[in-house]
Amino acid sequence: MNLYDRFQFPEGIIRVTAGAGGEALLIKGSEKNVLIDCGMAYCGDAMTKNIADVLEGRSLDYVVLSHTHYDHVGGLPYVRRAWPNVIVFGASYAENILKKDSARAQIAKLSANAWKEYEKLDCESDVLMEGLGVDQVICEKDIIPLGNKQIHVFETPGHTNCSITLLLEPDQVVFASETAGVYGTDGRMMTGMLKSRKETLDSIQKSRKINARHIVSPHYGMVPELDKNAYWDKAEESVRLNTEFILEQLDKGIPLEGMLKAYTEKFWIDERMDEQPKEAFLQNAIHMINNVLREMNEE
């Protein structure tokens, strides 16, 4: 029986991920090479080795950050150390977030926790933070040229204010933002709704209209061809199911702590630990519940 390989990407896209919990994809252009997200700090050095092995002496020119959560940016300082001249692209909000002491402290803390969880090592003081920042702001309709390929930028807030979706042309490969959700090996979507329900639904609709031949889902890889057309439907359905569940808990008079417990029991699947750390899931769930309640109250 042929098993589907979610890491079998179109030519020129190479998975350089070096550890569980965060993905990193390298795109080789005829003139420039770009890394999409950087995974986590605990495997940053191993990731840079993977990149160097693939590039075979060529330089890493760019990094694009899909958003600023620690499981997407934690490996960036290690990339900077290996390629000091690399240019890092990110949304304007990402640039501002990575300058904040509070955000950097949270990234360092969660990175250290992931180091313990995945490597069983206590290394809070060893998390590299130097170079964690955006060099050049990108926004809607911007294009990053790679020579024979180019990356088109779409702003898709909802998961974070800085979330972006990328379209690689002429390959027609969409790198979906986490706003749409996290596709799982079971075929279900874990909602990406975090900051705003309305913005999430608007961003899913925008992403649906992008001319995509292939979809790469965050924390997962290539979406199966059979599910490609249903991907955005599943994203919208996950928003609806999560919203309904939270409102049901509210109607029952369940306090926030109880809501989080019930939400985790219903939506967390242990098999997804390699795709997303449970710590990240819990952090997101707390914010999502609060934001859904606030937004529904405003309506």
C-alpha atoms as a PDB file:
ATOM      1  CA  MET A   1       0.000   0.000   0.000  1.00  0.00           C
ATOM      2  CA  ASN A   2       1.324   3.463  -0.930  1.00  0.00           C
ATOM      3  CA  LEU A   3       1.281   5.801   2.066  1.00  0.00           C
ATOM      4  CA  TYR A   4       0.870   9.511   1.474  1.00  0.00           C
ATOM      5  CA  ASP A   5       4.092  11.464   2.052  1.00  0.00           C
ATOM      6  CA  ARG A   6       3.215  14.897   3.434  1.00  0.00           C
ATOM      7  CA  PHE A   7       6.842  15.959   3.125  1.00  0.00           C
ATOM      8  CA  GLN A   8       7.047  15.293  -0.617  1.00  0.00           C
ATOM      9  CA  PHE A   9       7.158  18.889  -1.862  1.00  0.00           C
ATOM     10  CA  PRO A  10       7.331  20.228  -5.426  1.00  0.00           C
ATOM     11  CA  GLU A  11      10.834  20.549  -6.887  1.00  0.00           C
ATOM     12  CA  GLY A  12      12.875  23.326  -5.302  1.00  0.00           C
ATOM     13  CA  ILE A  13      11.110  23.187  -1.910  1.00  0.00           C
ATOM     14  CA  ILE A  14      13.091  21.244   0.696  1.00  0.00           C
ATOM     15  CA  ARG A  15      12.144  20.431   4.275  1.00  0.00           C
ATOM     16  CA  VAL A  16      15.085  21.360   6.512  1.00  0.00           C
ATOM     17  CA  THR A  17      13.215  20.852   9.782  1.00  0.00           C
ATOM     18  CA  ALA A  18      15.463  19.351  12.470  1.00  0.00           C
ATOM     19  CA  GLY A  19      13.037  18.662  15.315  1.00  0.00           C
ATOM     20  CA  ALA A  20       9.404  18.257  16.291  1.00  0.00           C
ATOM     21  CA  GLY A  21       7.052  21.153  17.003  1.00  0.00           C
ATOM     22  CA  GLY A  22       7.981  23.598  14.263  1.00  0.00           C
ATOM     23  CA  GLU A  23       8.605  23.400  10.532  1.00  0.00           C
ATOM     24  CA  ALA A  24      11.222  25.081   8.313  1.00  0.00           C
ATOM     25  CA  LEU A  25      11.134  24.941   4.511  1.00  0.00           C
ATOM     26  CA  LEU A  26      13.868  26.057   2.140  1.00  0.00           C
ATOM     27  CA  ILE A  27      13.038  27.322  -1.354  1.00  0.00           C
ATOM     28  CA  LYS A  28      15.877  27.293  -3.881  1.00  0.00           C
ATOM     29  CA  GLY A  29      15.570  29.883  -6.623  1.00  0.00           C
ATOM     30  CA  SER A  30      17.873  30.355  -9.584  1.00  0.00           C
ATOM     31  CA  GLU A  31      19.292  33.535  -7.984  1.00  0.00           C
ATOM     32  CA  LYS A  32      18.166  33.641  -4.347  1.00  0.00           C
ATOM     33  CA  ASN A  33      17.347  31.116  -1.625  1.00  0.00           C
ATOM     34  CA  VAL A  34      14.753  31.701   1.088  1.00  0.00           C
ATOM     35  CA  LEU A  35      13.811  29.958   4.323  1.00  0.00           C
ATOM     36  CA  ILE A  36      10.134  29.937   5.296  1.00  0.00           C
ATOM     37  CA  ASP A  37      10.003  30.003   9.118  1.00  0.00           C
ATOM     38  CA  CYS A  38      12.776  28.745  11.396  1.00  0.00           C
ATOM     39  CA  GLY A  39      11.316  26.141  13.727  1.00  0.00           C
ATOM     40  CA  MET A  40      12.328  26.078  17.387  1.00  0.00           C
ATOM     41  CA  ALA A  41      15.457  27.131  19.219  1.00  0.00           C
ATOM     42  CA  TYR A  42      16.325  23.688  20.601  1.00  0.00           C
ATOM     43  CA  CYS A  43      17.074  22.374  17.110  1.00  0.00           C
ATOM     44  CA  GLY A  44      18.355  25.607  15.583  1.00  0.00           C
ATOM     45  CA  ASP A  45      21.930  24.434  15.062  1.00  0.00           C
ATOM     46  CA  ALA A  46      20.808  21.139  13.532  1.00  0.00           C
ATOM     47  CA  MET A  47      18.480  23.050  11.193  1.00  0.00           C
ATOM     48  CA  THR A  48      21.288  25.302   9.971  1.00  0.00           C
ATOM     49  CA  LYS A  49      23.348  22.197   9.196  1.00  0.00           C
ATOM     50  CA  ASN A  50      20.450  20.826   7.158  1.00  0.00           C
ATOM     51  CA  ILE A  51      20.238  24.112   5.250  1.00  0.00           C
ATOM     52  CA  ALA A  52      23.975  24.194   4.566  1.00  0.00           C
ATOM     53  CA  ASP A  53      23.903  20.592   3.321  1.00  0.00           C
ATOM     54  CA  VAL A  54      21.119  21.446   0.855  1.00  0.00           C
ATOM     55  CA  LEU A  55      22.678  24.711  -0.347  1.00  0.00           C
ATOM     56  CA  GLU A  56      26.080  23.085  -1.000  1.00  0.00           C
ATOM     57  CA  GLY A  57      28.028  26.310  -0.723  1.00  0.00           C
ATOM     58  CA  ARG A  58      25.340  28.714  -1.945  1.00  0.00           C
ATOM     59  CA  SER A  59      24.243  31.445   0.430  1.00  0.00           C
ATOM     60  CA  LEU A  60      20.993  31.698   2.339  1.00  0.00           C
ATOM     61  CA  ASP A  61      19.696  35.064   1.195  1.00  0.00           C
ATOM     62  CA  TYR A  62      16.321  35.503   2.875  1.00  0.00           C
ATOM     63  CA  VAL A  63      14.123  34.352   5.736  1.00  0.00           C
ATOM     64  CA  VAL A  64      10.361  34.961   5.729  1.00  0.00           C
ATOM     65  CA  LEU A  65       8.518  34.769   9.051  1.00  0.00           C
ATOM     66  CA  SER A  66       4.880  33.708   8.739  1.00  0.00           C
ATOM     67  CA  HIS A  67       4.298  35.134  12.236  1.00  0.00           C
ATOM     68  CA  THR A  68       6.175  35.648  15.504  1.00  0.00           C
ATOM     69  CA  HIS A  69       5.258  32.684  17.710  1.00  0.00           C
ATOM     70  CA  TYR A  70       8.261  30.974  19.260  1.00  0.00           C
ATOM     71  CA  ASP A  71       7.800  27.721  17.345  1.00  0.00           C
ATOM     72  CA  HIS A  72       8.230  29.679  14.085  1.00  0.00           C
ATOM     73  CA  VAL A  73      10.979  32.162  15.022  1.00  0.00           C
ATOM     74  CA  GLY A  74      13.001  30.367  17.711  1.00  0.00           C
ATOM     75  CA  GLY A  75      15.594  29.094  15.235  1.00  0.00           C
ATOM     76  CA  LEU A  76      16.185  32.513  13.648  1.00  0.00           C
ATOM     77  CA  PRO A  77      19.162  33.546  15.849  1.00  0.00           C
ATOM     78  CA  TYR A  78      20.909  30.299  14.869  1.00  0.00           C
ATOM     79  CA  VAL A  79      20.309  31.073  11.194  1.00  0.00           C
ATOM     80  CA  ARG A  80      21.746  34.565  11.715  1.00  0.00           C
ATOM     81  CA  ARG A  81      24.811  33.107  13.356  1.00  0.00           C
ATOM     82  CA  ALA A  82      25.427  30.876  10.351  1.00  0.00           C
ATOM     83  CA  TRP A  83      24.531  33.505   7.706  1.00  0.00           C
ATOM     84  CA  PRO A  84      25.091  36.995   9.210  1.00  0.00           C
ATOM     85  CA  ASN A  85      24.055  38.765   5.990  1.00  0.00           C
ATOM     86  CA  VAL A  86      20.681  37.064   5.638  1.00  0.00           C
ATOM     87  CA  ILE A  87      17.718  39.454   5.208  1.00  0.00           C
ATOM     88  CA  VAL A  88      14.678  38.669   7.367  1.00  0.00           C
ATOM     89  CA  PHE A  89      11.225  39.611   6.064  1.00  0.00           C
ATOM     90  CA  GLY A  90       8.132  39.932   8.235  1.00  0.00           C
ATOM     91  CA  ALA A  91       4.968  41.956   8.707  1.00  0.00           C
ATOM     92  CA  SER A  92       5.106  45.424  10.253  1.00  0.00           C
ATOM     93  CA  TYR A  93       3.464  44.107  13.416  1.00  0.00           C
ATOM     94  CA  ALA A  94       6.079  41.340  13.575  1.00  0.00           C
ATOM     95  CA  GLU A  95       8.855  43.921  13.435  1.00  0.00           C
ATOM     96  CA  ASN A  96       7.323  45.751  16.403  1.00  0.00           C
ATOM     97  CA  ILE A  97       6.591  42.616  18.432  1.00  0.00           C
ATOM     98  CA  LEU A  98      10.162  41.332  18.202  1.00  0.00           C
ATOM     99  CA  LYS A  99      11.442  44.621  19.621  1.00  0.00           C
ATOM    100  CA  LYS A 100       9.353  44.281  22.797  1.00  0.00           C
ATOM    101  CA  ASP A 101      11.126  43.011  25.909  1.00  0.00           C
ATOM    102  CA  SER A 102       7.955  41.258  27.094  1.00  0.00           C
ATOM    103  CA  ALA A 103       7.540  39.359  23.821  1.00  0.00           C
ATOM    104  CA  ARG A 104      11.205  38.373  23.710  1.00  0.00           C
ATOM    105  CA  ALA A 105      11.045  37.159  27.304  1.00  0.00           C
ATOM    106  CA  GLN A 106       8.016  35.010  26.456  1.00  0.00           C
ATOM    107  CA  ILE A 107       9.764  33.562  23.394  1.00  0.00           C
ATOM    108  CA  ALA A 108      12.837  32.732  25.513  1.00  0.00           C
ATOM    109  CA  LYS A 109      10.702  31.094  28.212  1.00  0.00           C
ATOM    110  CA  LEU A 110       8.644  28.975  25.824  1.00  0.00           C
ATOM    111  CA  SER A 111      11.776  28.039  23.859  1.00  0.00           C
ATOM    112  CA  ALA A 112      13.416  26.798  27.054  1.00  0.00           C
ATOM    113  CA  ASN A 113      10.291  24.817  27.941  1.00  0.00           C
ATOM    114  CA  ALA A 114      10.333  23.190  24.490  1.00  0.00           C
ATOM    115  CA  TRP A 115      14.006  22.310  24.992  1.00  0.00           C
ATOM    116  CA  LYS A 116      13.028  20.436  28.154  1.00  0.00           C
ATOM    117  CA  GLU A 117      10.016  18.808  26.524  1.00  0.00           C
ATOM    118  CA  TYR A 118      11.728  17.552  23.385  1.00  0.00           C
ATOM    119  CA  GLU A 119      15.382  17.206  24.406  1.00  0.00           C
ATOM    120  CA  LYS A 120      14.932  16.609  28.170  1.00  0.00           C
ATOM    121  CA  LEU A 121      17.548  19.293  28.866  1.00  0.00           C
ATOM    122  CA  ASP A 122      17.417  22.341  31.122  1.00  0.00           C
ATOM    123  CA  CYS A 123      18.911  25.123  29.015  1.00  0.00           C
ATOM    124  CA  GLU A 124      17.047  28.325  29.857  1.00  0.00           C
ATOM    125  CA  SER A 125      20.304  30.303  29.833  1.00  0.00           C
ATOM    126  CA  ASP A 126      21.388  28.762  26.516  1.00  0.00           C
ATOM    127  CA  VAL A 127      18.501  29.983  24.334  1.00  0.00           C
ATOM    128  CA  LEU A 128      20.077  32.233  21.724  1.00  0.00           C
ATOM    129  CA  MET A 129      18.142  35.502  21.238  1.00  0.00           C
ATOM    130  CA  GLU A 130      20.645  37.758  19.438  1.00  0.00           C
ATOM    131  CA  GLY A 131      19.448  38.521  15.924  1.00  0.00           C
ATOM    132  CA  LEU A 132      15.777  37.824  16.623  1.00  0.00           C
ATOM    133  CA  GLY A 133      14.205  40.575  14.543  1.00  0.00           C
ATOM    134  CA  VAL A 134      12.834  41.734  11.181  1.00  0.00           C
ATOM    135  CA  ASP A 135      15.090  43.575   8.716  1.00  0.00           C
ATOM    136  CA  GLN A 136      12.557  44.437   6.050  1.00  0.00           C
ATOM    137  CA  VAL A 137       8.798  44.832   6.407  1.00  0.00           C
ATOM    138  CA  ILE A 138       6.569  43.137   3.829  1.00  0.00           C
ATOM    139  CA  CYS A 139       2.862  43.702   3.309  1.00  0.00           C
ATOM    140  CA  GLU A 140      -0.072  42.883   1.029  1.00  0.00           C
ATOM    141  CA  LYS A 141       0.863  42.469  -2.664  1.00  0.00           C
ATOM    142  CA  ASP A 142       4.617  42.651  -2.045  1.00  0.00           C
ATOM    143  CA  ILE A 143       6.748  40.315  -4.165  1.00  0.00           C
ATOM    144  CA  ILE A 144      10.046  38.697  -3.148  1.00  0.00           C
ATOM    145  CA  PRO A 145      12.033  37.758  -6.293  1.00  0.00           C
ATOM    146  CA  LEU A 146      14.157  34.599  -6.275  1.00  0.00           C
ATOM    147  CA  GLY A 147      15.112  34.546  -9.960  1.00  0.00           C
ATOM    148  CA  ASN A 148      13.047  31.882 -11.698  1.00  0.00           C
ATOM    149  CA  LYS A 149      10.545  31.974  -8.827  1.00  0.00           C
ATOM    150  CA  GLN A 150       8.853  34.699  -6.812  1.00  0.00           C
ATOM    151  CA  ILE A 151       6.920  34.880  -3.570  1.00  0.00           C
ATOM    152  CA  HIS A 152       3.700  36.895  -3.332  1.00  0.00           C
ATOM    153  CA  VAL A 153       2.604  38.171   0.080  1.00  0.00           C
ATOM    154  CA  PHE A 154      -0.936  38.203   1.509  1.00  0.00           C
ATOM    155  CA  GLU A 155      -1.827  39.596   4.924  1.00  0.00           C
ATOM    156  CA  THR A 156      -4.029  37.081   6.758  1.00  0.00           C
ATOM    157  CA  PRO A 157      -4.497  38.161  10.387  1.00  0.00           C
ATOM    158  CA  GLY A 158      -6.620  36.239  12.849  1.00  0.00           C
ATOM    159  CA  HIS A 159      -4.110  33.866  14.395  1.00  0.00           C
ATOM    160  CA  THR A 160      -1.834  36.814  15.099  1.00  0.00           C
ATOM    161  CA  ASN A 161      -1.901  40.383  13.835  1.00  0.00           C
ATOM    162  CA  CYS A 162       1.280  39.646  11.872  1.00  0.00           C
ATOM    163  CA  SER A 163       0.192  36.415  10.142  1.00  0.00           C
ATOM    164  CA  ILE A 164       0.940  36.224   6.423  1.00  0.00           C
ATOM    165  CA  THR A 165       0.174  33.734   3.658  1.00  0.00           C
ATOM    166  CA  LEU A 166       2.660  33.185   0.824  1.00  0.00           C
ATOM    167  CA  LEU A 167       2.172  32.142  -2.795  1.00  0.00           C
ATOM    168  CA  LEU A 168       5.152  30.706  -4.676  1.00  0.00           C
ATOM    169  CA  GLU A 169       4.934  31.348  -8.419  1.00  0.00           C
ATOM    170  CA  PRO A 170       4.976  29.964 -11.032  1.00  0.00           C
ATOM    171  CA  ASP A 171       4.569  26.753  -9.012  1.00  0.00           C
ATOM    172  CA  GLN A 172       1.233  27.932  -7.556  1.00  0.00           C
ATOM    173  CA  VAL A 173       2.149  26.648  -4.096  1.00  0.00           C
ATOM    174  CA  VAL A 174       0.353  28.363  -1.214  1.00  0.00           C
ATOM    175  CA  PHE A 175       2.032  28.354   2.187  1.00  0.00           C
ATOM    176  CA  ALA A 176      -1.089  28.790   4.290  1.00  0.00           C
ATOM    177  CA  SER A 177      -0.833  30.858   7.441  1.00  0.00           C
ATOM    178  CA  GLU A 178      -1.751  29.390  10.801  1.00  0.00           C
ATOM    179  CA  THR A 179      -4.818  31.647  10.746  1.00  0.00           C
ATOM    180  CA  ALA A 180      -6.487  28.993   8.582  1.00  0.00           C
ATOM    181  CA  GLY A 181      -5.586  26.309  11.106  1.00  0.00           C
ATOM    182  CA  VAL A 182      -3.321  23.290  11.460  1.00  0.00           C
ATOM    183  CA  TYR A 183      -4.182  20.317   9.272  1.00  0.00           C
ATOM    184  CA  GLY A 184      -3.657  16.989  11.025  1.00  0.00           C
ATOM    185  CA  THR A 185      -2.672  13.512   9.939  1.00  0.00           C
ATOM    186  CA  ASP A 186      -6.230  12.497  10.846  1.00  0.00           C
ATOM    187  CA  GLY A 187      -7.588  14.893   8.197  1.00  0.00           C
ATOM    188  CA  ARG A 188      -9.110  17.252  10.747  1.00  0.00           C
ATOM    189  CA  MET A 189      -8.240  20.911  11.244  1.00  0.00           C
ATOM    190  CA  MET A 190      -7.157  22.430  14.538  1.00  0.00           C
ATOM    191  CA  THR A 191      -8.458  25.990  14.359  1.00  0.00           C
ATOM    192  CA  GLY A 192      -5.989  28.840  13.955  1.00  0.00           C
ATOM    193  CA  MET A 193      -8.469  31.366  15.333  1.00  0.00           C
ATOM    194  CA  LEU A 194      -6.680  33.134  18.147  1.00  0.00           C
ATOM    195  CA  LYS A 195      -6.847  36.928  18.023  1.00  0.00           C
ATOM    196  CA  SER A 196     -10.123  37.394  16.164  1.00  0.00           C
ATOM    197  CA  ARG A 197     -12.948  35.217  14.893  1.00  0.00           C
ATOM    198  CA  LYS A 198     -14.021  37.771  12.280  1.00  0.00           C
ATOM    199  CA  GLU A 199     -10.512  38.372  10.964  1.00  0.00           C
ATOM    200  CA  THR A 200      -9.908  34.626  10.839  1.00  0.00           C
ATOM    201  CA  LEU A 201     -12.976  34.020   8.677  1.00  0.00           C
ATOM    202  CA  ASP A 202     -12.098  36.985   6.425  1.00  0.00           C
ATOM    203  CA  SER A 203      -8.545  35.670   6.000  1.00  0.00           C
ATOM    204  CA  ILE A 204      -9.769  32.166   5.162  1.00  0.00           C
ATOM    205  CA  GLN A 205     -11.988  33.650   2.456  1.00  0.00           C
ATOM    206  CA  LYS A 206      -9.065  35.658   1.065  1.00  0.00           C
ATOM    207  CA  SER A 207      -6.833  32.580   1.039  1.00  0.00           C
ATOM    208  CA  ARG A 208      -9.504  30.513  -0.703  1.00  0.00           C
ATOM    209  CA  LYS A 209      -9.389  32.936  -3.651  1.00  0.00           C
ATOM    210  CA  ILE A 210      -5.638  32.532  -4.180  1.00  0.00           C
ATOM    211  CA  ASN A 211      -4.864  30.475  -7.270  1.00  0.00           C
ATOM    212  CA  ALA A 212      -3.326  27.415  -5.588  1.00  0.00           C
ATOM    213  CA  ARG A 213      -2.269  24.174  -7.228  1.00  0.00           C
ATOM    214  CA  HIS A 214      -0.772  22.923  -3.957  1.00  0.00           C
ATOM    215  CA  ILE A 215      -1.336  23.860  -0.302  1.00  0.00           C
ATOM    216  CA  VAL A 216       1.320  23.610   2.392  1.00  0.00           C
ATOM    217  CA  SER A 217      -0.255  23.646   5.850  1.00  0.00           C
ATOM    218  CA  PRO A 218       1.757  24.887   8.855  1.00  0.00           C
ATOM    219  CA  HIS A 219       3.027  22.199  11.254  1.00  0.00           C
ATOM    220  CA  TYR A 220       1.974  19.575   8.701  1.00  0.00           C
ATOM    221  CA  GLY A 221       3.248  19.765   5.144  1.00  0.00           C
ATOM    222  CA  MET A 222       1.603  19.083   1.787  1.00  0.00           C
ATOM    223  CA  VAL A 223      -2.170  18.810   1.986  1.00  0.00           C
ATOM    224  CA  PRO A 224      -3.343  15.674   0.116  1.00  0.00           C
ATOM    225  CA  GLU A 225      -4.785  16.341  -3.326  1.00  0.00           C
ATOM    226  CA  LEU A 226      -8.113  14.819  -2.249  1.00  0.00           C
ATOM    227  CA  ASP A 227      -8.408  17.361   0.569  1.00  0.00           C
ATOM    228  CA  LYS A 228      -7.087  20.410  -1.289  1.00  0.00           C
ATOM    229  CA  ASN A 229     -10.487  21.712  -2.363  1.00  0.00           C
ATOM    230  CA  ALA A 230     -11.970  21.014   1.081  1.00  0.00           C
ATOM    231  CA  TYR A 231      -9.085  22.640   3.016  1.00  0.00           C
ATOM    232  CA  TRP A 232     -10.718  26.056   3.346  1.00  0.00           C
ATOM    233  CA  ASP A 233     -14.115  24.471   4.122  1.00  0.00           C
ATOM    234  CA  LYS A 234     -12.475  22.553   6.956  1.00  0.00           C
ATOM    235  CA  ALA A 235     -10.829  25.752   8.163  1.00  0.00           C
ATOM    236  CA  GLU A 236     -14.180  27.540   8.348  1.00  0.00           C
ATOM    237  CA  GLU A 237     -15.824  24.522   9.963  1.00  0.00           C
ATOM    238  CA  SER A 238     -13.157  24.432  12.672  1.00  0.00           C
ATOM    239  CA  VAL A 239     -13.911  28.092  13.503  1.00  0.00           C
ATOM    240  CA  ARG A 240     -17.620  27.312  13.776  1.00  0.00           C
ATOM    241  CA  LEU A 241     -17.137  24.204  15.941  1.00  0.00           C
ATOM    242  CA  ASN A 242     -14.737  25.945  18.302  1.00  0.00           C
ATOM    243  CA  THR A 243     -16.962  29.015  18.651  1.00  0.00           C
ATOM    244  CA  GLU A 244     -20.051  26.900  19.326  1.00  0.00           C
ATOM    245  CA  PHE A 245     -18.213  24.842  21.940  1.00  0.00           C
ATOM    246  CA  ILE A 246     -16.979  27.928  23.800  1.00  0.00           C
ATOM    247  CA  LEU A 247     -20.432  29.510  23.784  1.00  0.00           C
ATOM    248  CA  GLU A 248     -21.967  26.264  25.048  1.00  0.00           C
ATOM    249  CA  GLN A 249     -19.554  26.352  27.998  1.00  0.00           C
ATOM    250  CA  LEU A 250     -20.516  29.968  28.634  1.00  0.00           C
ATOM    251  CA  ASP A 251     -24.228  29.080  28.629  1.00  0.00           C
ATOM    252  CA  LYS A 252     -23.500  26.409  31.229  1.00  0.00           C
ATOM    253  CA  GLY A 253     -21.805  28.968  33.465  1.00  0.00           C
ATOM    254  CA  ILE A 254     -18.402  27.264  33.230  1.00  0.00           C
ATOM    255  CA  PRO A 255     -15.533  29.554  34.403  1.00  0.00           C
ATOM    256  CA  LEU A 256     -12.459  30.135  32.232  1.00  0.00           C
ATOM    257  CA  GLU A 257     -10.347  27.464  33.941  1.00  0.00           C
ATOM    258  CA  GLY A 258     -13.103  24.909  33.434  1.00  0.00           C
ATOM    259  CA  MET A 259     -13.560  26.011  29.812  1.00  0.00           C
ATOM    260  CA  LEU A 260      -9.863  25.450  29.128  1.00  0.00           C
ATOM    261  CA  LYS A 261     -10.003  21.972  30.684  1.00  0.00           C
ATOM    262  CA  ALA A 262     -13.096  21.018  28.681  1.00  0.00           C
ATOM    263  CA  TYR A 263     -11.676  22.515  25.498  1.00  0.00           C
ATOM    264  CA  THR A 264      -8.425  20.563  25.865  1.00  0.00           C
ATOM    265  CA  GLU A 265     -10.291  17.308  26.481  1.00  0.00           C
ATOM    266  CA  LYS A 266     -12.334  17.827  23.316  1.00  0.00           C
ATOM    267  CA  PHE A 267      -9.816  19.238  20.866  1.00  0.00           C
ATOM    268  CA  TRP A 268      -6.298  18.166  21.921  1.00  0.00           C
ATOM    269  CA  ILE A 269      -4.988  14.935  20.378  1.00  0.00           C
ATOM    270  CA  ASP A 270      -1.747  13.540  21.834  1.00  0.00           C
ATOM    271  CA  GLU A 271      -0.646  12.314  18.405  1.00  0.00           C
ATOM    272  CA  ARG A 272      -0.301  15.946  17.335  1.00  0.00           C
ATOM    273  CA  MET A 273       2.557  16.639  19.745  1.00  0.00           C
ATOM    274  CA  ASP A 274       5.085  16.357  16.895  1.00  0.00           C
ATOM    275  CA  GLU A 275       3.114  18.892  14.854  1.00  0.00           C
ATOM    276  CA  GLN A 276       2.510  21.411  17.628  1.00  0.00           C
ATOM    277  CA  PRO A 277       3.690  21.477  21.267  1.00  0.00           C
ATOM    278  CA  LYS A 278       0.903  21.085  23.803  1.00  0.00           C
ATOM    279  CA  GLU A 279       2.241  24.182  25.582  1.00  0.00           C
ATOM    280  CA  ALA A 280       1.589  26.190  22.414  1.00  0.00           C
ATOM    281  CA  PHE A 281      -1.893  24.679  22.120  1.00  0.00           C
ATOM    282  CA  LEU A 282      -2.764  25.650  25.702  1.00  0.00           C
ATOM    283  CA  GLN A 283      -1.377  29.181  25.334  1.00  0.00           C
ATOM    284  CA  ASN A 284      -3.382  29.653  22.155  1.00  0.00           C
ATOM    285  CA  ALA A 285      -6.533  28.168  23.682  1.00  0.00           C
ATOM    286  CA  ILE A 286      -6.552  30.601  26.611  1.00  0.00           C
ATOM    287  CA  HIS A 287      -6.238  33.609  24.328  1.00  0.00           C
ATOM    288  CA  MET A 288      -8.740  32.228  21.836  1.00  0.00           C
ATOM    289  CA  ILE A 289     -11.422  31.592  24.460  1.00  0.00           C
ATOM    290  CA  ASN A 290     -11.031  35.091  25.872  1.00  0.00           C
ATOM    291  CA  ASN A 291     -11.067  36.700  22.431  1.00  0.00           C
ATOM    292  CA  VAL A 292     -14.102  34.731  21.221  1.00  0.00           C
ATOM    293  CA  LEU A 293     -16.030  35.753  24.330  1.00  0.00           C
ATOM    294  CA  ARG A 294     -14.973  39.393  23.934  1.00  0.00           C
ATOM    295  CA  GLU A 295     -15.825  39.516  20.228  1.00  0.00           C
ATOM    296  CA  MET A 296     -19.190  37.791  20.643  1.00  0.00           C
ATOM    297  CA  ASN A 297     -20.044  40.185  23.465  1.00  0.00           C
ATOM    298  CA  GLU A 298     -19.244  43.159  21.214  1.00  0.00           C
ATOM    299  CA  GLU A 299     -21.597  41.799  18.560  1.00  0.00           C
END
